[in-house]
Amino acid sequence: MPISDFLAVNVGFVSPLVLALAALVLAIFWMYQFVQLMLLEDIYFSARYDKIIWAAAFILVVPLAPFAFLMWKGAKSLNRK
């Protein structure tokens, strides 16, 4: 059996599995970052409603918000040192 026939048959089985695994990894990362956000005290935010805005961003922009929060948290910790 040529490799092209093998790939044509098996790509359909691999793709949903890879997609499901990527969705699971993103969901776990999203939950971890959301918990980190909720555990931060209000003194870490510069404005009064920053935590609420971050929570809304997590809910409205699911795939992007945890990465943006991770970068913000890293930049914020550099500013504190």
PDB file of N, CA and C in Angstrom:
ATOM      1  N   MET A   1       0.860  -1.183   0.000  1.00  0.00           N
ATOM      2  CA  MET A   1       0.000   0.000   0.000  1.00  0.00           C
ATOM      3  C   MET A   1       0.901   1.240   0.000  1.00  0.00           C
ATOM      4  N   PRO A   2       0.724   2.149  -0.964  1.00  0.00           N
ATOM      5  CA  PRO A   2       1.517   3.378  -0.985  1.00  0.00           C
ATOM      6  C   PRO A   2       1.174   4.291   0.198  1.00  0.00           C
ATOM      7  N   ILE A   3       2.121   5.119   0.558  1.00  0.00           N
ATOM      8  CA  ILE A   3       1.944   6.015   1.706  1.00  0.00           C
ATOM      9  C   ILE A   3       0.803   6.994   1.485  1.00  0.00           C
ATOM     10  N   SER A   4       0.569   7.412   0.245  1.00  0.00           N
ATOM     11  CA  SER A   4      -0.516   8.357  -0.032  1.00  0.00           C
ATOM     12  C   SER A   4      -1.877   7.741   0.284  1.00  0.00           C
ATOM     13  N   ASP A   5      -2.041   6.437   0.001  1.00  0.00           N
ATOM     14  CA  ASP A   5      -3.301   5.767   0.346  1.00  0.00           C
ATOM     15  C   ASP A   5      -3.465   5.664   1.858  1.00  0.00           C
ATOM     16  N   PHE A   6      -2.377   5.378   2.556  1.00  0.00           N
ATOM     17  CA  PHE A   6      -2.421   5.279   4.009  1.00  0.00           C
ATOM     18  C   PHE A   6      -2.809   6.612   4.639  1.00  0.00           C
ATOM     19  N   LEU A   7      -2.192   7.707   4.160  1.00  0.00           N
ATOM     20  CA  LEU A   7      -2.504   9.025   4.697  1.00  0.00           C
ATOM     21  C   LEU A   7      -3.927   9.446   4.370  1.00  0.00           C
ATOM     22  N   ALA A   8      -4.406   9.117   3.192  1.00  0.00           N
ATOM     23  CA  ALA A   8      -5.759   9.496   2.801  1.00  0.00           C
ATOM     24  C   ALA A   8      -6.790   8.800   3.676  1.00  0.00           C
ATOM     25  N   VAL A   9      -6.503   7.581   4.084  1.00  0.00           N
ATOM     26  CA  VAL A   9      -7.453   6.831   4.913  1.00  0.00           C
ATOM     27  C   VAL A   9      -7.381   7.288   6.364  1.00  0.00           C
ATOM     28  N   ASN A  10      -6.181   7.511   6.908  1.00  0.00           N
ATOM     29  CA  ASN A  10      -6.020   7.745   8.338  1.00  0.00           C
ATOM     30  C   ASN A  10      -6.084   9.201   8.769  1.00  0.00           C
ATOM     31  N   VAL A  11      -5.985  10.133   7.850  1.00  0.00           N
ATOM     32  CA  VAL A  11      -6.048  11.540   8.245  1.00  0.00           C
ATOM     33  C   VAL A  11      -7.406  11.862   8.861  1.00  0.00           C
ATOM     34  N   GLY A  12      -8.462  11.265   8.371  1.00  0.00           N
ATOM     35  CA  GLY A  12      -9.789  11.493   8.923  1.00  0.00           C
ATOM     36  C   GLY A  12      -9.913  11.035  10.362  1.00  0.00           C
ATOM     37  N   PHE A  13      -9.168  10.027  10.757  1.00  0.00           N
ATOM     38  CA  PHE A  13      -9.230   9.527  12.130  1.00  0.00           C
ATOM     39  C   PHE A  13      -8.339  10.329  13.071  1.00  0.00           C
ATOM     40  N   VAL A  14      -7.265  10.867  12.578  1.00  0.00           N
ATOM     41  CA  VAL A  14      -6.324  11.602  13.410  1.00  0.00           C
ATOM     42  C   VAL A  14      -6.828  13.018  13.669  1.00  0.00           C
ATOM     43  N   SER A  15      -7.385  13.649  12.678  1.00  0.00           N
ATOM     44  CA  SER A  15      -7.769  15.044  12.779  1.00  0.00           C
ATOM     45  C   SER A  15      -8.767  15.322  13.912  1.00  0.00           C
ATOM     46  N   PRO A  16      -9.863  14.588  14.042  1.00  0.00           N
ATOM     47  CA  PRO A  16     -10.767  14.871  15.165  1.00  0.00           C
ATOM     48  C   PRO A  16     -10.118  14.615  16.523  1.00  0.00           C
ATOM     49  N   LEU A  17      -9.241  13.627  16.585  1.00  0.00           N
ATOM     50  CA  LEU A  17      -8.553  13.341  17.848  1.00  0.00           C
ATOM     51  C   LEU A  17      -7.623  14.489  18.216  1.00  0.00           C
ATOM     52  N   VAL A  18      -6.879  14.997  17.255  1.00  0.00           N
ATOM     53  CA  VAL A  18      -5.977  16.122  17.511  1.00  0.00           C
ATOM     54  C   VAL A  18      -6.779  17.360  17.874  1.00  0.00           C
ATOM     55  N   LEU A  19      -7.882  17.586  17.179  1.00  0.00           N
ATOM     56  CA  LEU A  19      -8.738  18.727  17.481  1.00  0.00           C
ATOM     57  C   LEU A  19      -9.331  18.628  18.889  1.00  0.00           C
ATOM     58  N   ALA A  20      -9.777  17.453  19.272  1.00  0.00           N
ATOM     59  CA  ALA A  20     -10.331  17.254  20.617  1.00  0.00           C
ATOM     60  C   ALA A  20      -9.253  17.436  21.685  1.00  0.00           C
ATOM     61  N   LEU A  21      -8.059  16.964  21.412  1.00  0.00           N
ATOM     62  CA  LEU A  21      -6.956  17.124  22.367  1.00  0.00           C
ATOM     63  C   LEU A  21      -6.574  18.595  22.510  1.00  0.00           C
ATOM     64  N   ALA A  22      -6.541  19.317  21.400  1.00  0.00           N
ATOM     65  CA  ALA A  22      -6.226  20.746  21.461  1.00  0.00           C
ATOM     66  C   ALA A  22      -7.312  21.504  22.218  1.00  0.00           C
ATOM     67  N   ALA A  23      -8.567  21.144  22.004  1.00  0.00           N
ATOM     68  CA  ALA A  23      -9.667  21.789  22.731  1.00  0.00           C
ATOM     69  C   ALA A  23      -9.569  21.490  24.227  1.00  0.00           C
ATOM     70  N   LEU A  24      -9.196  20.288  24.578  1.00  0.00           N
ATOM     71  CA  LEU A  24      -9.043  19.918  25.987  1.00  0.00           C
ATOM     72  C   LEU A  24      -7.899  20.693  26.640  1.00  0.00           C
ATOM     73  N   VAL A  25      -6.784  20.821  25.938  1.00  0.00           N
ATOM     74  CA  VAL A  25      -5.644  21.579  26.466  1.00  0.00           C
ATOM     75  C   VAL A  25      -6.021  23.049  26.642  1.00  0.00           C
ATOM     76  N   LEU A  26      -6.721  23.623  25.658  1.00  0.00           N
ATOM     77  CA  LEU A  26      -7.158  25.016  25.768  1.00  0.00           C
ATOM     78  C   LEU A  26      -8.133  25.194  26.932  1.00  0.00           C
ATOM     79  N   ALA A  27      -9.038  24.254  27.129  1.00  0.00           N
ATOM     80  CA  ALA A  27     -10.006  24.342  28.223  1.00  0.00           C
ATOM     81  C   ALA A  27      -9.307  24.287  29.583  1.00  0.00           C
ATOM     82  N   ILE A  28      -8.338  23.415  29.716  1.00  0.00           N
ATOM     83  CA  ILE A  28      -7.601  23.309  30.979  1.00  0.00           C
ATOM     84  C   ILE A  28      -6.799  24.586  31.225  1.00  0.00           C
ATOM     85  N   PHE A  29      -6.140  25.102  30.187  1.00  0.00           N
ATOM     86  CA  PHE A  29      -5.381  26.340  30.312  1.00  0.00           C
ATOM     87  C   PHE A  29      -6.302  27.507  30.644  1.00  0.00           C
ATOM     88  N   TRP A  30      -7.478  27.556  30.021  1.00  0.00           N
ATOM     89  CA  TRP A  30      -8.454  28.619  30.283  1.00  0.00           C
ATOM     90  C   TRP A  30      -8.893  28.582  31.743  1.00  0.00           C
ATOM     91  N   MET A  31      -9.222  27.396  32.231  1.00  0.00           N
ATOM     92  CA  MET A  31      -9.660  27.273  33.626  1.00  0.00           C
ATOM     93  C   MET A  31      -8.557  27.668  34.597  1.00  0.00           C
ATOM     94  N   TYR A  32      -7.337  27.243  34.327  1.00  0.00           N
ATOM     95  CA  TYR A  32      -6.218  27.576  35.212  1.00  0.00           C
ATOM     96  C   TYR A  32      -6.011  29.087  35.281  1.00  0.00           C
ATOM     97  N   GLN A  33      -6.028  29.753  34.134  1.00  0.00           N
ATOM     98  CA  GLN A  33      -5.832  31.194  34.111  1.00  0.00           C
ATOM     99  C   GLN A  33      -7.013  31.926  34.739  1.00  0.00           C
ATOM    100  N   PHE A  34      -8.219  31.429  34.543  1.00  0.00           N
ATOM    101  CA  PHE A  34      -9.388  32.066  35.150  1.00  0.00           C
ATOM    102  C   PHE A  34      -9.335  31.969  36.673  1.00  0.00           C
ATOM    103  N   VAL A  35      -8.909  30.832  37.178  1.00  0.00           N
ATOM    104  CA  VAL A  35      -8.748  30.670  38.630  1.00  0.00           C
ATOM    105  C   VAL A  35      -7.660  31.613  39.136  1.00  0.00           C
ATOM    106  N   GLN A  36      -6.572  31.743  38.387  1.00  0.00           N
ATOM    107  CA  GLN A  36      -5.523  32.680  38.774  1.00  0.00           C
ATOM    108  C   GLN A  36      -6.061  34.113  38.846  1.00  0.00           C
ATOM    109  N   LEU A  37      -6.906  34.472  37.891  1.00  0.00           N
ATOM    110  CA  LEU A  37      -7.522  35.798  37.903  1.00  0.00           C
ATOM    111  C   LEU A  37      -8.390  35.988  39.141  1.00  0.00           C
ATOM    112  N   MET A  38      -9.196  35.007  39.454  1.00  0.00           N
ATOM    113  CA  MET A  38     -10.096  35.128  40.597  1.00  0.00           C
ATOM    114  C   MET A  38      -9.341  35.147  41.922  1.00  0.00           C
ATOM    115  N   LEU A  39      -8.169  34.534  41.978  1.00  0.00           N
ATOM    116  CA  LEU A  39      -7.392  34.516  43.212  1.00  0.00           C
ATOM    117  C   LEU A  39      -6.621  35.812  43.457  1.00  0.00           C
ATOM    118  N   LEU A  40      -6.427  36.613  42.411  1.00  0.00           N
ATOM    119  CA  LEU A  40      -5.711  37.875  42.596  1.00  0.00           C
ATOM    120  C   LEU A  40      -6.536  38.839  43.433  1.00  0.00           C
ATOM    121  N   GLU A  41      -5.875  39.519  44.339  1.00  0.00           N
ATOM    122  CA  GLU A  41      -6.555  40.516  45.161  1.00  0.00           C
ATOM    123  C   GLU A  41      -6.710  41.811  44.375  1.00  0.00           C
ATOM    124  N   ASP A  42      -7.600  42.657  44.822  1.00  0.00           N
ATOM    125  CA  ASP A  42      -7.906  43.887  44.107  1.00  0.00           C
ATOM    126  C   ASP A  42      -6.734  44.863  44.050  1.00  0.00           C
ATOM    127  N   ILE A  43      -5.775  44.719  44.953  1.00  0.00           N
ATOM    128  CA  ILE A  43      -4.634  45.647  44.954  1.00  0.00           C
ATOM    129  C   ILE A  43      -3.750  45.467  43.719  1.00  0.00           C
ATOM    130  N   TYR A  44      -3.835  44.318  43.050  1.00  0.00           N
ATOM    131  CA  TYR A  44      -3.022  44.061  41.871  1.00  0.00           C
ATOM    132  C   TYR A  44      -3.560  44.741  40.618  1.00  0.00           C
ATOM    133  N   PHE A  45      -4.761  45.265  40.683  1.00  0.00           N
ATOM    134  CA  PHE A  45      -5.383  45.928  39.544  1.00  0.00           C
ATOM    135  C   PHE A  45      -5.329  47.435  39.744  1.00  0.00           C
ATOM    136  N   SER A  46      -5.038  48.163  38.672  1.00  0.00           N
ATOM    137  CA  SER A  46      -4.861  49.608  38.796  1.00  0.00           C
ATOM    138  C   SER A  46      -6.186  50.361  38.884  1.00  0.00           C
ATOM    139  N   ALA A  47      -7.227  49.854  38.274  1.00  0.00           N
ATOM    140  CA  ALA A  47      -8.527  50.538  38.316  1.00  0.00           C
ATOM    141  C   ALA A  47      -9.536  49.691  39.086  1.00  0.00           C
ATOM    142  N   ARG A  48     -10.649  50.304  39.393  1.00  0.00           N
ATOM    143  CA  ARG A  48     -11.639  49.650  40.247  1.00  0.00           C
ATOM    144  C   ARG A  48     -12.302  48.449  39.580  1.00  0.00           C
ATOM    145  N   TYR A  49     -12.572  48.542  38.281  1.00  0.00           N
ATOM    146  CA  TYR A  49     -13.322  47.497  37.598  1.00  0.00           C
ATOM    147  C   TYR A  49     -12.461  46.606  36.708  1.00  0.00           C
ATOM    148  N   ASP A  50     -11.168  46.618  36.883  1.00  0.00           N
ATOM    149  CA  ASP A  50     -10.287  45.816  36.034  1.00  0.00           C
ATOM    150  C   ASP A  50     -10.560  44.320  36.147  1.00  0.00           C
ATOM    151  N   LYS A  51     -10.806  43.841  37.331  1.00  0.00           N
ATOM    152  CA  LYS A  51     -11.048  42.410  37.513  1.00  0.00           C
ATOM    153  C   LYS A  51     -12.344  41.992  36.819  1.00  0.00           C
ATOM    154  N   ILE A  52     -13.358  42.814  36.889  1.00  0.00           N
ATOM    155  CA  ILE A  52     -14.628  42.515  36.220  1.00  0.00           C
ATOM    156  C   ILE A  52     -14.443  42.538  34.706  1.00  0.00           C
ATOM    157  N   ILE A  53     -13.641  43.476  34.218  1.00  0.00           N
ATOM    158  CA  ILE A  53     -13.382  43.547  32.783  1.00  0.00           C
ATOM    159  C   ILE A  53     -12.610  42.313  32.320  1.00  0.00           C
ATOM    160  N   TRP A  54     -11.640  41.885  33.107  1.00  0.00           N
ATOM    161  CA  TRP A  54     -10.915  40.666  32.753  1.00  0.00           C
ATOM    162  C   TRP A  54     -11.841  39.447  32.754  1.00  0.00           C
ATOM    163  N   ALA A  55     -12.717  39.359  33.730  1.00  0.00           N
ATOM    164  CA  ALA A  55     -13.662  38.238  33.769  1.00  0.00           C
ATOM    165  C   ALA A  55     -14.580  38.253  32.549  1.00  0.00           C
ATOM    166  N   ALA A  56     -15.048  39.436  32.158  1.00  0.00           N
ATOM    167  CA  ALA A  56     -15.883  39.546  30.959  1.00  0.00           C
ATOM    168  C   ALA A  56     -15.094  39.143  29.715  1.00  0.00           C
ATOM    169  N   ALA A  57     -13.833  39.534  29.657  1.00  0.00           N
ATOM    170  CA  ALA A  57     -12.991  39.152  28.518  1.00  0.00           C
ATOM    171  C   ALA A  57     -12.825  37.638  28.458  1.00  0.00           C
ATOM    172  N   PHE A  58     -12.657  37.006  29.611  1.00  0.00           N
ATOM    173  CA  PHE A  58     -12.537  35.544  29.641  1.00  0.00           C
ATOM    174  C   PHE A  58     -13.797  34.878  29.113  1.00  0.00           C
ATOM    175  N   ILE A  59     -14.945  35.440  29.416  1.00  0.00           N
ATOM    176  CA  ILE A  59     -16.205  34.834  28.983  1.00  0.00           C
ATOM    177  C   ILE A  59     -16.506  35.132  27.514  1.00  0.00           C
ATOM    178  N   LEU A  60     -16.194  36.347  27.070  1.00  0.00           N
ATOM    179  CA  LEU A  60     -16.557  36.749  25.709  1.00  0.00           C
ATOM    180  C   LEU A  60     -15.521  36.354  24.651  1.00  0.00           C
ATOM    181  N   VAL A  61     -14.263  36.309  25.032  1.00  0.00           N
ATOM    182  CA  VAL A  61     -13.195  36.017  24.080  1.00  0.00           C
ATOM    183  C   VAL A  61     -12.431  34.787  24.586  1.00  0.00           C
ATOM    184  N   VAL A  62     -13.087  33.664  24.574  1.00  0.00           N
ATOM    185  CA  VAL A  62     -12.569  32.444  25.207  1.00  0.00           C
ATOM    186  C   VAL A  62     -11.180  32.039  24.710  1.00  0.00           C
ATOM    187  N   PRO A  63     -10.910  31.962  23.408  1.00  0.00           N
ATOM    188  CA  PRO A  63      -9.589  31.451  23.012  1.00  0.00           C
ATOM    189  C   PRO A  63      -8.439  32.440  23.215  1.00  0.00           C
ATOM    190  N   LEU A  64      -8.729  33.722  23.283  1.00  0.00           N
ATOM    191  CA  LEU A  64      -7.666  34.719  23.351  1.00  0.00           C
ATOM    192  C   LEU A  64      -7.381  35.209  24.769  1.00  0.00           C
ATOM    193  N   ALA A  65      -8.380  35.294  25.602  1.00  0.00           N
ATOM    194  CA  ALA A  65      -8.249  35.908  26.928  1.00  0.00           C
ATOM    195  C   ALA A  65      -7.201  35.257  27.829  1.00  0.00           C
ATOM    196  N   PRO A  66      -7.099  33.935  27.919  1.00  0.00           N
ATOM    197  CA  PRO A  66      -6.092  33.386  28.840  1.00  0.00           C
ATOM    198  C   PRO A  66      -4.661  33.735  28.434  1.00  0.00           C
ATOM    199  N   PHE A  67      -4.400  33.823  27.134  1.00  0.00           N
ATOM    200  CA  PHE A  67      -3.066  34.186  26.675  1.00  0.00           C
ATOM    201  C   PHE A  67      -2.790  35.664  26.952  1.00  0.00           C
ATOM    202  N   ALA A  68      -3.789  36.514  26.730  1.00  0.00           N
ATOM    203  CA  ALA A  68      -3.630  37.942  27.024  1.00  0.00           C
ATOM    204  C   ALA A  68      -3.428  38.155  28.524  1.00  0.00           C
ATOM    205  N   PHE A  69      -4.184  37.437  29.345  1.00  0.00           N
ATOM    206  CA  PHE A  69      -4.033  37.560  30.800  1.00  0.00           C
ATOM    207  C   PHE A  69      -2.663  37.068  31.250  1.00  0.00           C
ATOM    208  N   LEU A  70      -2.165  36.006  30.656  1.00  0.00           N
ATOM    209  CA  LEU A  70      -0.848  35.489  30.991  1.00  0.00           C
ATOM    210  C   LEU A  70       0.229  36.529  30.683  1.00  0.00           C
ATOM    211  N   MET A  71       0.118  37.193  29.534  1.00  0.00           N
ATOM    212  CA  MET A  71       1.086  38.243  29.188  1.00  0.00           C
ATOM    213  C   MET A  71       0.949  39.437  30.125  1.00  0.00           C
ATOM    214  N   TRP A  72      -0.292  39.828  30.450  1.00  0.00           N
ATOM    215  CA  TRP A  72      -0.515  40.956  31.361  1.00  0.00           C
ATOM    216  C   TRP A  72       0.055  40.654  32.739  1.00  0.00           C
ATOM    217  N   LYS A  73      -0.179  39.433  33.204  1.00  0.00           N
ATOM    218  CA  LYS A  73       0.306  39.040  34.522  1.00  0.00           C
ATOM    219  C   LYS A  73       1.840  39.047  34.560  1.00  0.00           C
ATOM    220  N   GLY A  74       2.466  38.606  33.488  1.00  0.00           N
ATOM    221  CA  GLY A  74       3.926  38.634  33.427  1.00  0.00           C
ATOM    222  C   GLY A  74       4.458  40.059  33.405  1.00  0.00           C
ATOM    223  N   ALA A  75       3.823  40.927  32.652  1.00  0.00           N
ATOM    224  CA  ALA A  75       4.249  42.328  32.599  1.00  0.00           C
ATOM    225  C   ALA A  75       4.006  43.014  33.930  1.00  0.00           C
ATOM    226  N   LYS A  76       2.910  42.690  34.574  1.00  0.00           N
ATOM    227  CA  LYS A  76       2.589  43.295  35.872  1.00  0.00           C
ATOM    228  C   LYS A  76       3.606  42.872  36.927  1.00  0.00           C
ATOM    229  N   SER A  77       4.035  41.606  36.879  1.00  0.00           N
ATOM    230  CA  SER A  77       5.012  41.149  37.878  1.00  0.00           C
ATOM    231  C   SER A  77       6.376  41.792  37.631  1.00  0.00           C
ATOM    232  N   LEU A  78       6.715  42.089  36.386  1.00  0.00           N
ATOM    233  CA  LEU A  78       7.971  42.779  36.109  1.00  0.00           C
ATOM    234  C   LEU A  78       7.942  44.212  36.619  1.00  0.00           C
ATOM    235  N   ASN A  79       6.769  44.844  36.535  1.00  0.00           N
ATOM    236  CA  ASN A  79       6.628  46.219  37.024  1.00  0.00           C
ATOM    237  C   ASN A  79       6.722  46.287  38.537  1.00  0.00           C
ATOM    238  N   ARG A  80       6.322  45.257  39.239  1.00  0.00           N
ATOM    239  CA  ARG A  80       6.312  45.265  40.700  1.00  0.00           C
ATOM    240  C   ARG A  80       7.727  45.103  41.271  1.00  0.00           C
ATOM    241  N   LYS A  81       8.637  44.516  40.487  1.00  0.00           N
ATOM    242  CA  LYS A  81      10.002  44.257  40.999  1.00  0.00           C
ATOM    243  C   LYS A  81      10.837  45.460  40.938  1.00  0.00           C
TER     244      LYS A  81
END
